[in-house]
Amino acid sequence: MSYENTDIKALNDKVKEKSAFIDLLKIEINRVIVGQDRMIDRLLIALLGKGHILLEGVPGLAKTLAIKTLADAIDVTFSRIQFTPDLLPADVIGTLIYNVKENKFEVKKGPVFANFVLADEINRAPAKVQSALLEAMQERQVTIGEQTFKLEEPFMVMATQNPIEQEGTYPLPEAQTDRFMMKVLISYPGMEEEREIVRRNLNDNFGKVNKVASKDDILDARRIVKEIYTDPKIEQYILDIVFATRYPEKYGLEELKPFIAYGASPRGSINLAMAAKANAFLNHRGFVVPEDILSTVHDVLRHRIGLTYEAEAENIRSDDIINKIMNSVQVP
């Protein structure tokens, strides 16, 4: 694929036309959410990139509210599962119920049968329940008894977790966090934003969210996101970044080798390319530029780099490793 056989201008015009609803979505979400633009962008990138998202932050940063507001602005079904230590897999995916009248078992579908599924405080439930989401997230289907049900598209799991309280929690295993397209760290709002939050809450001054997008808009946008042009040089840039997490010594980063237990999987490359395309779509562009990679790389790779005990002892985080990689890999 090259610029010669890709009509960039036509693609650009098509993206501009089809991405117009994104601005309307953001306006509706901002009626309720003050600030947190980065979190909202990441939610939209995961939605457009057919991925799932894990939000990590202390309580009270509007994680749950942002997800709920996004669902309210799109004509989709939404369900919220509060993960607790006594939750069972059947509470998530559903179970078979015996019907005495009919003398047979019937399927009772669980809350995972929705377009947007909010897994609130996902690290509060044991591994058996967390893994119940795995098939749904990866295969986009659910098996109850001997029956398998396809989940309706668009389907997206949005999970939240609190990084502070670790007592009585079950940290997500690496295999499961890898299934999330992005892990986003949510920070505190600025002072002026918080002033506005306080005023709105005290005055009960929250706008009503209107539905400004349909399922078809989202599915249509997803198809166009896949068409967005990625130059071979950009593809090479993505591969260099991911390979530097596995073989840092080949990129002049020998000092990182003792800190990395394992690098990003091929899923990291796929999701980084997809997130970059979705970010281009958010910016009404029909082609990927290096800024799209720079904007999304931390969220896509931070949960895909395994740290050694040495890294933890020296207080080195995966974000620090990504920063060093981004400073050394050549930008096209």
C-alpha atoms as a PDB file:
ATOM      1  CA  MET A   1       0.000   0.000   0.000  1.00  0.00           C
ATOM      2  CA  SER A   2       1.480   3.334  -1.004  1.00  0.00           C
ATOM      3  CA  TYR A   3       0.458   6.940  -1.510  1.00  0.00           C
ATOM      4  CA  GLU A   4       0.250   6.255  -5.268  1.00  0.00           C
ATOM      5  CA  ASN A   5      -2.673   3.815  -5.000  1.00  0.00           C
ATOM      6  CA  THR A   6      -4.339   5.463  -1.981  1.00  0.00           C
ATOM      7  CA  ASP A   7      -6.384   8.574  -2.649  1.00  0.00           C
ATOM      8  CA  ILE A   8      -5.469  10.418   0.560  1.00  0.00           C
ATOM      9  CA  LYS A   9      -7.592  13.465  -0.258  1.00  0.00           C
ATOM     10  CA  ALA A  10     -10.739  11.387  -0.869  1.00  0.00           C
ATOM     11  CA  LEU A  11     -10.070   9.394   2.309  1.00  0.00           C
ATOM     12  CA  ASN A  12      -9.498  12.604   4.262  1.00  0.00           C
ATOM     13  CA  ASP A  13     -12.812  14.067   3.053  1.00  0.00           C
ATOM     14  CA  LYS A  14     -14.614  10.819   3.920  1.00  0.00           C
ATOM     15  CA  VAL A  15     -13.131  10.811   7.455  1.00  0.00           C
ATOM     16  CA  LYS A  16     -14.033  14.488   7.977  1.00  0.00           C
ATOM     17  CA  GLU A  17     -17.637  13.783   7.005  1.00  0.00           C
ATOM     18  CA  LYS A  18     -18.021  10.560   9.008  1.00  0.00           C
ATOM     19  CA  SER A  19     -16.215  11.829  12.133  1.00  0.00           C
ATOM     20  CA  ALA A  20     -18.452  14.889  12.571  1.00  0.00           C
ATOM     21  CA  PHE A  21     -20.542  13.078  15.224  1.00  0.00           C
ATOM     22  CA  ILE A  22     -17.429  12.798  17.452  1.00  0.00           C
ATOM     23  CA  ASP A  23     -17.553  16.542  18.199  1.00  0.00           C
ATOM     24  CA  LEU A  24     -21.261  16.245  19.091  1.00  0.00           C
ATOM     25  CA  LEU A  25     -20.466  13.324  21.407  1.00  0.00           C
ATOM     26  CA  LYS A  26     -17.789  15.328  23.214  1.00  0.00           C
ATOM     27  CA  ILE A  27     -20.180  18.296  23.637  1.00  0.00           C
ATOM     28  CA  GLU A  28     -22.787  16.009  25.243  1.00  0.00           C
ATOM     29  CA  ILE A  29     -20.247  14.335  27.555  1.00  0.00           C
ATOM     30  CA  ASN A  30     -18.908  17.746  28.645  1.00  0.00           C
ATOM     31  CA  ARG A  31     -22.408  18.664  29.837  1.00  0.00           C
ATOM     32  CA  VAL A  32     -21.764  16.265  32.726  1.00  0.00           C
ATOM     33  CA  ILE A  33     -17.991  15.737  32.923  1.00  0.00           C
ATOM     34  CA  VAL A  34     -15.711  18.681  33.712  1.00  0.00           C
ATOM     35  CA  GLY A  35     -12.206  18.327  32.276  1.00  0.00           C
ATOM     36  CA  GLN A  36     -10.838  14.779  31.920  1.00  0.00           C
ATOM     37  CA  ASP A  37     -10.610  15.338  28.128  1.00  0.00           C
ATOM     38  CA  ARG A  38      -7.824  12.784  27.876  1.00  0.00           C
ATOM     39  CA  MET A  39      -9.926  10.075  29.544  1.00  0.00           C
ATOM     40  CA  ILE A  40     -12.858  10.833  27.228  1.00  0.00           C
ATOM     41  CA  ASP A  41     -10.585  10.651  24.157  1.00  0.00           C
ATOM     42  CA  ARG A  42      -9.242   7.294  25.340  1.00  0.00           C
ATOM     43  CA  LEU A  43     -12.759   5.919  25.808  1.00  0.00           C
ATOM     44  CA  LEU A  44     -13.596   6.976  22.238  1.00  0.00           C
ATOM     45  CA  ILE A  45     -10.336   5.506  20.864  1.00  0.00           C
ATOM     46  CA  ALA A  46     -11.109   2.135  22.495  1.00  0.00           C
ATOM     47  CA  LEU A  47     -14.666   2.256  21.139  1.00  0.00           C
ATOM     48  CA  LEU A  48     -13.566   3.128  17.589  1.00  0.00           C
ATOM     49  CA  GLY A  49     -10.657   0.669  17.697  1.00  0.00           C
ATOM     50  CA  LYS A  50     -12.943  -2.234  18.726  1.00  0.00           C
ATOM     51  CA  GLY A  51     -11.024  -2.575  21.982  1.00  0.00           C
ATOM     52  CA  HIS A  52     -11.624  -2.677  25.724  1.00  0.00           C
ATOM     53  CA  ILE A  53     -10.318  -0.188  28.269  1.00  0.00           C
ATOM     54  CA  LEU A  54      -9.048  -0.344  31.853  1.00  0.00           C
ATOM     55  CA  LEU A  55      -9.208   2.893  33.855  1.00  0.00           C
ATOM     56  CA  GLU A  56      -7.077   3.150  36.970  1.00  0.00           C
ATOM     57  CA  GLY A  57      -7.407   5.966  39.469  1.00  0.00           C
ATOM     58  CA  VAL A  58      -8.397   6.826  43.016  1.00  0.00           C
ATOM     59  CA  PRO A  59     -12.148   7.019  43.808  1.00  0.00           C
ATOM     60  CA  GLY A  60     -14.063  10.160  42.883  1.00  0.00           C
ATOM     61  CA  LEU A  61     -12.369  11.001  39.568  1.00  0.00           C
ATOM     62  CA  ALA A  62     -15.554  10.429  37.500  1.00  0.00           C
ATOM     63  CA  LYS A  63     -14.375   7.170  35.918  1.00  0.00           C
ATOM     64  CA  THR A  64     -17.756   5.470  36.283  1.00  0.00           C
ATOM     65  CA  LEU A  65     -19.643   8.673  35.467  1.00  0.00           C
ATOM     66  CA  ALA A  66     -17.646   9.213  32.239  1.00  0.00           C
ATOM     67  CA  ILE A  67     -18.396   5.696  31.023  1.00  0.00           C
ATOM     68  CA  LYS A  68     -22.087   6.011  31.918  1.00  0.00           C
ATOM     69  CA  THR A  69     -22.312   9.420  30.211  1.00  0.00           C
ATOM     70  CA  LEU A  70     -20.692   8.068  27.028  1.00  0.00           C
ATOM     71  CA  ALA A  71     -23.284   5.263  26.984  1.00  0.00           C
ATOM     72  CA  ASP A  72     -26.072   7.824  27.518  1.00  0.00           C
ATOM     73  CA  ALA A  73     -24.900   9.869  24.506  1.00  0.00           C
ATOM     74  CA  ILE A  74     -25.015   6.835  22.187  1.00  0.00           C
ATOM     75  CA  ASP A  75     -28.137   4.787  21.497  1.00  0.00           C
ATOM     76  CA  VAL A  76     -26.766   1.577  23.047  1.00  0.00           C
ATOM     77  CA  THR A  77     -27.586  -0.807  25.898  1.00  0.00           C
ATOM     78  CA  PHE A  78     -25.507  -0.372  29.050  1.00  0.00           C
ATOM     79  CA  SER A  79     -24.946  -2.548  32.101  1.00  0.00           C
ATOM     80  CA  ARG A  80     -22.880  -2.064  35.235  1.00  0.00           C
ATOM     81  CA  ILE A  81     -21.401  -4.931  37.240  1.00  0.00           C
ATOM     82  CA  GLN A  82     -20.065  -4.062  40.685  1.00  0.00           C
ATOM     83  CA  PHE A  83     -17.264  -6.579  41.242  1.00  0.00           C
ATOM     84  CA  THR A  84     -17.171  -7.908  44.824  1.00  0.00           C
ATOM     85  CA  PRO A  85     -15.355 -10.856  46.475  1.00  0.00           C
ATOM     86  CA  ASP A  86     -18.564 -12.937  46.616  1.00  0.00           C
ATOM     87  CA  LEU A  87     -19.447 -12.448  42.915  1.00  0.00           C
ATOM     88  CA  LEU A  88     -19.869 -15.647  40.852  1.00  0.00           C
ATOM     89  CA  PRO A  89     -19.216 -16.175  37.114  1.00  0.00           C
ATOM     90  CA  ALA A  90     -22.962 -16.785  36.645  1.00  0.00           C
ATOM     91  CA  ASP A  91     -23.590 -13.265  38.010  1.00  0.00           C
ATOM     92  CA  VAL A  92     -21.637 -11.925  35.020  1.00  0.00           C
ATOM     93  CA  ILE A  93     -22.445 -14.152  32.059  1.00  0.00           C
ATOM     94  CA  GLY A  94     -25.738 -15.708  33.152  1.00  0.00           C
ATOM     95  CA  THR A  95     -26.851 -19.248  33.986  1.00  0.00           C
ATOM     96  CA  LEU A  96     -29.366 -22.017  33.290  1.00  0.00           C
ATOM     97  CA  ILE A  97     -32.613 -21.786  35.288  1.00  0.00           C
ATOM     98  CA  TYR A  98     -34.964 -24.746  35.638  1.00  0.00           C
ATOM     99  CA  ASN A  99     -38.493 -23.951  34.472  1.00  0.00           C
ATOM    100  CA  VAL A 100     -40.844 -26.237  36.446  1.00  0.00           C
ATOM    101  CA  LYS A 101     -43.863 -25.418  34.242  1.00  0.00           C
ATOM    102  CA  GLU A 102     -42.053 -26.268  31.006  1.00  0.00           C
ATOM    103  CA  ASN A 103     -39.992 -29.027  32.665  1.00  0.00           C
ATOM    104  CA  LYS A 104     -36.756 -27.802  31.040  1.00  0.00           C
ATOM    105  CA  PHE A 105     -33.749 -25.569  31.628  1.00  0.00           C
ATOM    106  CA  GLU A 106     -33.854 -22.039  30.245  1.00  0.00           C
ATOM    107  CA  VAL A 107     -31.011 -19.597  29.694  1.00  0.00           C
ATOM    108  CA  LYS A 108     -31.058 -16.500  31.875  1.00  0.00           C
ATOM    109  CA  LYS A 109     -28.611 -14.047  30.304  1.00  0.00           C
ATOM    110  CA  GLY A 110     -26.328 -12.014  32.569  1.00  0.00           C
ATOM    111  CA  PRO A 111     -25.353  -8.327  32.452  1.00  0.00           C
ATOM    112  CA  VAL A 112     -22.502  -9.023  30.001  1.00  0.00           C
ATOM    113  CA  PHE A 113     -25.191  -9.070  27.284  1.00  0.00           C
ATOM    114  CA  ALA A 114     -25.070  -5.331  26.617  1.00  0.00           C
ATOM    115  CA  ASN A 115     -23.220  -3.052  24.186  1.00  0.00           C
ATOM    116  CA  PHE A 116     -21.286  -1.269  26.933  1.00  0.00           C
ATOM    117  CA  VAL A 117     -20.364  -3.272  30.018  1.00  0.00           C
ATOM    118  CA  LEU A 118     -18.880  -1.449  33.001  1.00  0.00           C
ATOM    119  CA  ALA A 119     -16.849  -3.790  35.226  1.00  0.00           C
ATOM    120  CA  ASP A 120     -16.549  -1.554  38.282  1.00  0.00           C
ATOM    121  CA  GLU A 121     -13.562  -2.257  40.547  1.00  0.00           C
ATOM    122  CA  ILE A 122     -12.651  -5.367  38.560  1.00  0.00           C
ATOM    123  CA  ASN A 123      -9.821  -6.271  40.933  1.00  0.00           C
ATOM    124  CA  ARG A 124     -12.281  -6.824  43.813  1.00  0.00           C
ATOM    125  CA  ALA A 125     -13.558 -10.158  42.427  1.00  0.00           C
ATOM    126  CA  PRO A 126     -11.628 -13.462  42.398  1.00  0.00           C
ATOM    127  CA  ALA A 127      -9.875 -14.865  39.335  1.00  0.00           C
ATOM    128  CA  LYS A 128     -12.755 -17.189  38.395  1.00  0.00           C
ATOM    129  CA  VAL A 129     -15.053 -14.195  37.885  1.00  0.00           C
ATOM    130  CA  GLN A 130     -12.397 -12.106  36.122  1.00  0.00           C
ATOM    131  CA  SER A 131     -11.800 -14.970  33.685  1.00  0.00           C
ATOM    132  CA  ALA A 132     -15.550 -15.195  32.988  1.00  0.00           C
ATOM    133  CA  LEU A 133     -15.073 -11.921  31.114  1.00  0.00           C
ATOM    134  CA  LEU A 134     -12.170 -13.328  29.061  1.00  0.00           C
ATOM    135  CA  GLU A 135     -14.213 -15.245  26.480  1.00  0.00           C
ATOM    136  CA  ALA A 136     -16.615 -12.330  26.151  1.00  0.00           C
ATOM    137  CA  MET A 137     -13.791  -9.813  25.645  1.00  0.00           C
ATOM    138  CA  GLN A 138     -11.688 -11.882  23.253  1.00  0.00           C
ATOM    139  CA  GLU A 139     -14.158 -14.070  21.362  1.00  0.00           C
ATOM    140  CA  ARG A 140     -17.127 -11.671  21.689  1.00  0.00           C
ATOM    141  CA  GLN A 141     -19.300 -14.611  22.585  1.00  0.00           C
ATOM    142  CA  VAL A 142     -20.580 -16.276  25.773  1.00  0.00           C
ATOM    143  CA  THR A 143     -21.158 -19.966  26.468  1.00  0.00           C
ATOM    144  CA  ILE A 144     -23.909 -20.900  28.942  1.00  0.00           C
ATOM    145  CA  GLY A 145     -24.379 -24.653  29.349  1.00  0.00           C
ATOM    146  CA  GLU A 146     -24.068 -26.105  25.844  1.00  0.00           C
ATOM    147  CA  GLN A 147     -25.223 -22.963  24.046  1.00  0.00           C
ATOM    148  CA  THR A 148     -22.967 -20.253  22.665  1.00  0.00           C
ATOM    149  CA  PHE A 149     -24.321 -16.751  22.130  1.00  0.00           C
ATOM    150  CA  LYS A 150     -22.735 -14.050  19.971  1.00  0.00           C
ATOM    151  CA  LEU A 151     -22.547 -10.659  21.667  1.00  0.00           C
ATOM    152  CA  GLU A 152     -24.128  -7.776  19.792  1.00  0.00           C
ATOM    153  CA  GLU A 153     -21.754  -5.203  18.296  1.00  0.00           C
ATOM    154  CA  PRO A 154     -20.614  -2.678  19.266  1.00  0.00           C
ATOM    155  CA  PHE A 155     -19.424  -4.524  22.375  1.00  0.00           C
ATOM    156  CA  MET A 156     -16.978  -2.911  24.772  1.00  0.00           C
ATOM    157  CA  VAL A 157     -15.850  -3.737  28.293  1.00  0.00           C
ATOM    158  CA  MET A 158     -14.794  -0.757  30.380  1.00  0.00           C
ATOM    159  CA  ALA A 159     -13.191  -1.771  33.654  1.00  0.00           C
ATOM    160  CA  THR A 160     -12.099   0.394  36.570  1.00  0.00           C
ATOM    161  CA  GLN A 161      -9.712  -0.324  39.401  1.00  0.00           C
ATOM    162  CA  ASN A 162      -8.441   1.530  42.432  1.00  0.00           C
ATOM    163  CA  PRO A 163      -4.603   1.495  42.639  1.00  0.00           C
ATOM    164  CA  ILE A 164      -4.415   2.359  46.329  1.00  0.00           C
ATOM    165  CA  GLU A 165      -6.395  -0.261  48.247  1.00  0.00           C
ATOM    166  CA  GLN A 166      -4.704  -3.597  47.614  1.00  0.00           C
ATOM    167  CA  GLU A 167      -6.039  -5.412  50.698  1.00  0.00           C
ATOM    168  CA  GLY A 168      -8.777  -7.858  49.772  1.00  0.00           C
ATOM    169  CA  THR A 169      -8.198  -7.385  46.026  1.00  0.00           C
ATOM    170  CA  TYR A 170      -7.203  -9.839  43.310  1.00  0.00           C
ATOM    171  CA  PRO A 171      -4.738  -8.191  40.894  1.00  0.00           C
ATOM    172  CA  LEU A 172      -5.516  -8.944  37.263  1.00  0.00           C
ATOM    173  CA  PRO A 173      -3.143 -11.542  35.766  1.00  0.00           C
ATOM    174  CA  GLU A 174      -0.934 -10.376  32.867  1.00  0.00           C
ATOM    175  CA  ALA A 175      -2.855 -12.547  30.376  1.00  0.00           C
ATOM    176  CA  GLN A 176      -6.053 -10.689  31.215  1.00  0.00           C
ATOM    177  CA  THR A 177      -4.656  -7.145  31.291  1.00  0.00           C
ATOM    178  CA  ASP A 178      -3.191  -7.854  27.824  1.00  0.00           C
ATOM    179  CA  ARG A 179      -6.747  -8.196  26.528  1.00  0.00           C
ATOM    180  CA  PHE A 180      -7.406  -4.565  27.299  1.00  0.00           C
ATOM    181  CA  MET A 181      -6.492  -2.338  24.377  1.00  0.00           C
ATOM    182  CA  MET A 182      -5.478   0.423  26.806  1.00  0.00           C
ATOM    183  CA  LYS A 183      -4.767   0.947  30.469  1.00  0.00           C
ATOM    184  CA  VAL A 184      -5.355   4.602  31.296  1.00  0.00           C
ATOM    185  CA  LEU A 185      -4.140   6.265  34.493  1.00  0.00           C
ATOM    186  CA  ILE A 186      -6.581   8.935  35.656  1.00  0.00           C
ATOM    187  CA  SER A 187      -5.173  11.922  37.522  1.00  0.00           C
ATOM    188  CA  TYR A 188      -6.742  14.667  39.651  1.00  0.00           C
ATOM    189  CA  PRO A 189      -8.453  17.624  37.906  1.00  0.00           C
ATOM    190  CA  GLY A 190      -6.855  21.085  37.867  1.00  0.00           C
ATOM    191  CA  MET A 191      -7.923  23.730  40.403  1.00  0.00           C
ATOM    192  CA  GLU A 192     -10.249  25.636  38.045  1.00  0.00           C
ATOM    193  CA  GLU A 193     -11.809  22.374  36.849  1.00  0.00           C
ATOM    194  CA  GLU A 194     -12.389  21.290  40.439  1.00  0.00           C
ATOM    195  CA  ARG A 195     -13.934  24.678  41.255  1.00  0.00           C
ATOM    196  CA  GLU A 196     -16.425  24.073  38.425  1.00  0.00           C
ATOM    197  CA  ILE A 197     -17.086  20.506  39.660  1.00  0.00           C
ATOM    198  CA  VAL A 198     -17.847  21.797  43.181  1.00  0.00           C
ATOM    199  CA  ARG A 199     -20.161  24.531  41.846  1.00  0.00           C
ATOM    200  CA  ARG A 200     -22.068  22.146  39.594  1.00  0.00           C
ATOM    201  CA  ASN A 201     -22.546  19.648  42.420  1.00  0.00           C
ATOM    202  CA  LEU A 202     -23.638  22.239  44.973  1.00  0.00           C
ATOM    203  CA  ASN A 203     -26.111  23.789  42.544  1.00  0.00           C
ATOM    204  CA  ASP A 204     -27.136  20.421  41.113  1.00  0.00           C
ATOM    205  CA  ASN A 205     -26.346  22.000  37.775  1.00  0.00           C
ATOM    206  CA  PHE A 206     -25.793  19.058  35.420  1.00  0.00           C
ATOM    207  CA  GLY A 207     -26.936  19.117  31.812  1.00  0.00           C
ATOM    208  CA  LYS A 208     -29.158  16.445  30.340  1.00  0.00           C
ATOM    209  CA  VAL A 209     -27.280  14.205  27.926  1.00  0.00           C
ATOM    210  CA  ASN A 210     -28.918  13.742  24.521  1.00  0.00           C
ATOM    211  CA  LYS A 211     -28.385  10.711  22.317  1.00  0.00           C
ATOM    212  CA  VAL A 212     -26.378  12.041  19.371  1.00  0.00           C
ATOM    213  CA  ALA A 213     -25.014   8.812  17.863  1.00  0.00           C
ATOM    214  CA  SER A 214     -26.430   5.404  16.981  1.00  0.00           C
ATOM    215  CA  LYS A 215     -24.964   1.893  16.895  1.00  0.00           C
ATOM    216  CA  ASP A 216     -24.727   2.211  13.117  1.00  0.00           C
ATOM    217  CA  ASP A 217     -22.671   5.415  13.473  1.00  0.00           C
ATOM    218  CA  ILE A 218     -20.170   3.538  15.649  1.00  0.00           C
ATOM    219  CA  LEU A 219     -20.018   0.458  13.386  1.00  0.00           C
ATOM    220  CA  ASP A 220     -19.645   2.705  10.334  1.00  0.00           C
ATOM    221  CA  ALA A 221     -16.872   4.696  12.032  1.00  0.00           C
ATOM    222  CA  ARG A 222     -15.052   1.464  12.944  1.00  0.00           C
ATOM    223  CA  ARG A 223     -15.002   0.411   9.299  1.00  0.00           C
ATOM    224  CA  ILE A 224     -13.572   3.777   8.242  1.00  0.00           C
ATOM    225  CA  VAL A 225     -10.966   3.729  11.031  1.00  0.00           C
ATOM    226  CA  LYS A 226      -9.603   0.495   9.517  1.00  0.00           C
ATOM    227  CA  GLU A 227      -9.268   2.254   6.140  1.00  0.00           C
ATOM    228  CA  ILE A 228      -7.192   5.148   7.547  1.00  0.00           C
ATOM    229  CA  TYR A 229      -3.839   5.192   5.781  1.00  0.00           C
ATOM    230  CA  THR A 230      -0.693   4.136   7.639  1.00  0.00           C
ATOM    231  CA  ASP A 231       2.554   4.788   5.775  1.00  0.00           C
ATOM    232  CA  PRO A 232       5.167   1.950   5.839  1.00  0.00           C
ATOM    233  CA  LYS A 233       7.502   4.322   7.731  1.00  0.00           C
ATOM    234  CA  ILE A 234       4.861   4.704  10.454  1.00  0.00           C
ATOM    235  CA  GLU A 235       4.414   0.912  10.546  1.00  0.00           C
ATOM    236  CA  GLN A 236       8.180   0.544  11.006  1.00  0.00           C
ATOM    237  CA  TYR A 237       8.072   3.149  13.797  1.00  0.00           C
ATOM    238  CA  ILE A 238       5.416   1.081  15.632  1.00  0.00           C
ATOM    239  CA  LEU A 239       7.435  -2.124  15.218  1.00  0.00           C
ATOM    240  CA  ASP A 240      10.645  -0.443  16.414  1.00  0.00           C
ATOM    241  CA  ILE A 241       8.896   0.788  19.573  1.00  0.00           C
ATOM    242  CA  VAL A 242       7.438  -2.647  20.370  1.00  0.00           C
ATOM    243  CA  PHE A 243      10.671  -4.509  19.556  1.00  0.00           C
ATOM    244  CA  ALA A 244      12.610  -2.084  21.775  1.00  0.00           C
ATOM    245  CA  THR A 245      10.512  -3.320  24.711  1.00  0.00           C
ATOM    246  CA  ARG A 246      11.701  -6.867  23.950  1.00  0.00           C
ATOM    247  CA  TYR A 247      15.284  -6.281  22.823  1.00  0.00           C
ATOM    248  CA  PRO A 248      16.349  -2.901  24.263  1.00  0.00           C
ATOM    249  CA  GLU A 249      20.036  -3.648  23.604  1.00  0.00           C
ATOM    250  CA  LYS A 250      19.400  -3.573  19.809  1.00  0.00           C
ATOM    251  CA  TYR A 251      18.269   0.045  20.165  1.00  0.00           C
ATOM    252  CA  GLY A 252      21.203   1.260  22.247  1.00  0.00           C
ATOM    253  CA  LEU A 253      19.243   0.858  25.491  1.00  0.00           C
ATOM    254  CA  GLU A 254      21.347  -1.778  27.274  1.00  0.00           C
ATOM    255  CA  GLU A 255      20.662  -0.038  30.605  1.00  0.00           C
ATOM    256  CA  LEU A 256      16.952  -1.031  30.350  1.00  0.00           C
ATOM    257  CA  LYS A 257      17.594  -4.776  29.971  1.00  0.00           C
ATOM    258  CA  PRO A 258      17.848  -5.531  33.746  1.00  0.00           C
ATOM    259  CA  PHE A 259      14.497  -3.799  34.333  1.00  0.00           C
ATOM    260  CA  ILE A 260      12.369  -5.593  31.688  1.00  0.00           C
ATOM    261  CA  ALA A 261      11.114  -9.099  32.496  1.00  0.00           C
ATOM    262  CA  TYR A 262       9.211  -9.333  29.197  1.00  0.00           C
ATOM    263  CA  GLY A 263       8.234  -6.943  26.414  1.00  0.00           C
ATOM    264  CA  ALA A 264       4.969  -6.197  24.638  1.00  0.00           C
ATOM    265  CA  SER A 265       3.233  -9.007  22.746  1.00  0.00           C
ATOM    266  CA  PRO A 266       2.131  -8.786  19.078  1.00  0.00           C
ATOM    267  CA  ARG A 267      -1.202  -7.633  20.509  1.00  0.00           C
ATOM    268  CA  GLY A 268       0.714  -4.501  21.548  1.00  0.00           C
ATOM    269  CA  SER A 269       1.708  -3.789  17.929  1.00  0.00           C
ATOM    270  CA  ILE A 270      -1.828  -4.397  16.656  1.00  0.00           C
ATOM    271  CA  ASN A 271      -3.428  -2.209  19.311  1.00  0.00           C
ATOM    272  CA  LEU A 272      -0.879   0.591  18.910  1.00  0.00           C
ATOM    273  CA  ALA A 273      -1.553   0.699  15.157  1.00  0.00           C
ATOM    274  CA  MET A 274      -5.316   0.628  15.753  1.00  0.00           C
ATOM    275  CA  ALA A 275      -5.194   3.271  18.514  1.00  0.00           C
ATOM    276  CA  ALA A 276      -3.137   5.545  16.219  1.00  0.00           C
ATOM    277  CA  LYS A 277      -5.765   5.173  13.463  1.00  0.00           C
ATOM    278  CA  ALA A 278      -8.593   5.884  15.917  1.00  0.00           C
ATOM    279  CA  ASN A 279      -6.718   8.948  17.195  1.00  0.00           C
ATOM    280  CA  ALA A 280      -6.366  10.195  13.593  1.00  0.00           C
ATOM    281  CA  PHE A 281     -10.143   9.705  13.181  1.00  0.00           C
ATOM    282  CA  LEU A 282     -10.811  11.758  16.346  1.00  0.00           C
ATOM    283  CA  ASN A 283      -8.729  14.511  14.765  1.00  0.00           C
ATOM    284  CA  HIS A 284     -10.698  14.233  11.479  1.00  0.00           C
ATOM    285  CA  ARG A 285      -7.662  12.952   9.537  1.00  0.00           C
ATOM    286  CA  GLY A 286      -7.501  10.160   6.959  1.00  0.00           C
ATOM    287  CA  PHE A 287      -3.862   9.252   7.659  1.00  0.00           C
ATOM    288  CA  VAL A 288      -1.682   8.457  10.692  1.00  0.00           C
ATOM    289  CA  VAL A 289       1.114  10.822  11.762  1.00  0.00           C
ATOM    290  CA  PRO A 290       3.825  10.196  14.422  1.00  0.00           C
ATOM    291  CA  GLU A 291       1.871  12.377  16.901  1.00  0.00           C
ATOM    292  CA  ASP A 292      -0.898   9.734  16.886  1.00  0.00           C
ATOM    293  CA  ILE A 293       1.640   7.154  18.112  1.00  0.00           C
ATOM    294  CA  LEU A 294       3.121   9.537  20.697  1.00  0.00           C
ATOM    295  CA  SER A 295      -0.356  10.339  21.985  1.00  0.00           C
ATOM    296  CA  THR A 296      -1.418   6.720  22.569  1.00  0.00           C
ATOM    297  CA  VAL A 297       1.781   4.709  23.173  1.00  0.00           C
ATOM    298  CA  HIS A 298       1.801   4.944  26.982  1.00  0.00           C
ATOM    299  CA  ASP A 299      -1.818   3.824  27.340  1.00  0.00           C
ATOM    300  CA  VAL A 300      -1.351   0.914  24.910  1.00  0.00           C
ATOM    301  CA  LEU A 301       1.979  -0.413  26.224  1.00  0.00           C
ATOM    302  CA  ARG A 302       2.154   0.387  29.959  1.00  0.00           C
ATOM    303  CA  HIS A 303       0.383  -2.847  30.994  1.00  0.00           C
ATOM    304  CA  ARG A 304       2.253  -4.949  28.447  1.00  0.00           C
ATOM    305  CA  ILE A 305       5.781  -4.477  29.813  1.00  0.00           C
ATOM    306  CA  GLY A 306       6.743  -6.792  32.666  1.00  0.00           C
ATOM    307  CA  LEU A 307       9.035  -5.267  35.287  1.00  0.00           C
ATOM    308  CA  THR A 308      11.752  -7.147  37.172  1.00  0.00           C
ATOM    309  CA  TYR A 309      12.294  -6.984  40.952  1.00  0.00           C
ATOM    310  CA  GLU A 310      15.258  -4.748  40.180  1.00  0.00           C
ATOM    311  CA  ALA A 311      12.979  -2.216  38.469  1.00  0.00           C
ATOM    312  CA  GLU A 312      10.586  -2.238  41.419  1.00  0.00           C
ATOM    313  CA  ALA A 313      13.497  -1.849  43.858  1.00  0.00           C
ATOM    314  CA  GLU A 314      14.690   1.218  41.946  1.00  0.00           C
ATOM    315  CA  ASN A 315      11.120   2.543  41.632  1.00  0.00           C
ATOM    316  CA  ILE A 316      11.184   2.374  37.819  1.00  0.00           C
ATOM    317  CA  ARG A 317       7.733   2.182  36.228  1.00  0.00           C
ATOM    318  CA  SER A 318       6.786   0.935  32.766  1.00  0.00           C
ATOM    319  CA  ASP A 319       6.032   4.572  31.799  1.00  0.00           C
ATOM    320  CA  ASP A 320       9.682   5.455  32.505  1.00  0.00           C
ATOM    321  CA  ILE A 321      10.814   2.640  30.193  1.00  0.00           C
ATOM    322  CA  ILE A 322       8.415   3.803  27.456  1.00  0.00           C
ATOM    323  CA  ASN A 323       9.747   7.377  27.790  1.00  0.00           C
ATOM    324  CA  LYS A 324      13.336   6.174  27.264  1.00  0.00           C
ATOM    325  CA  ILE A 325      12.308   4.057  24.280  1.00  0.00           C
ATOM    326  CA  MET A 326      10.416   6.959  22.689  1.00  0.00           C
ATOM    327  CA  ASN A 327      13.445   9.229  23.138  1.00  0.00           C
ATOM    328  CA  SER A 328      15.768   6.766  21.397  1.00  0.00           C
ATOM    329  CA  VAL A 329      13.655   5.273  18.584  1.00  0.00           C
ATOM    330  CA  GLN A 330      13.917   7.382  15.465  1.00  0.00           C
ATOM    331  CA  VAL A 331      10.739   9.284  14.548  1.00  0.00           C
ATOM    332  CA  PRO A 332       9.885   9.034  10.809  1.00  0.00           C
END
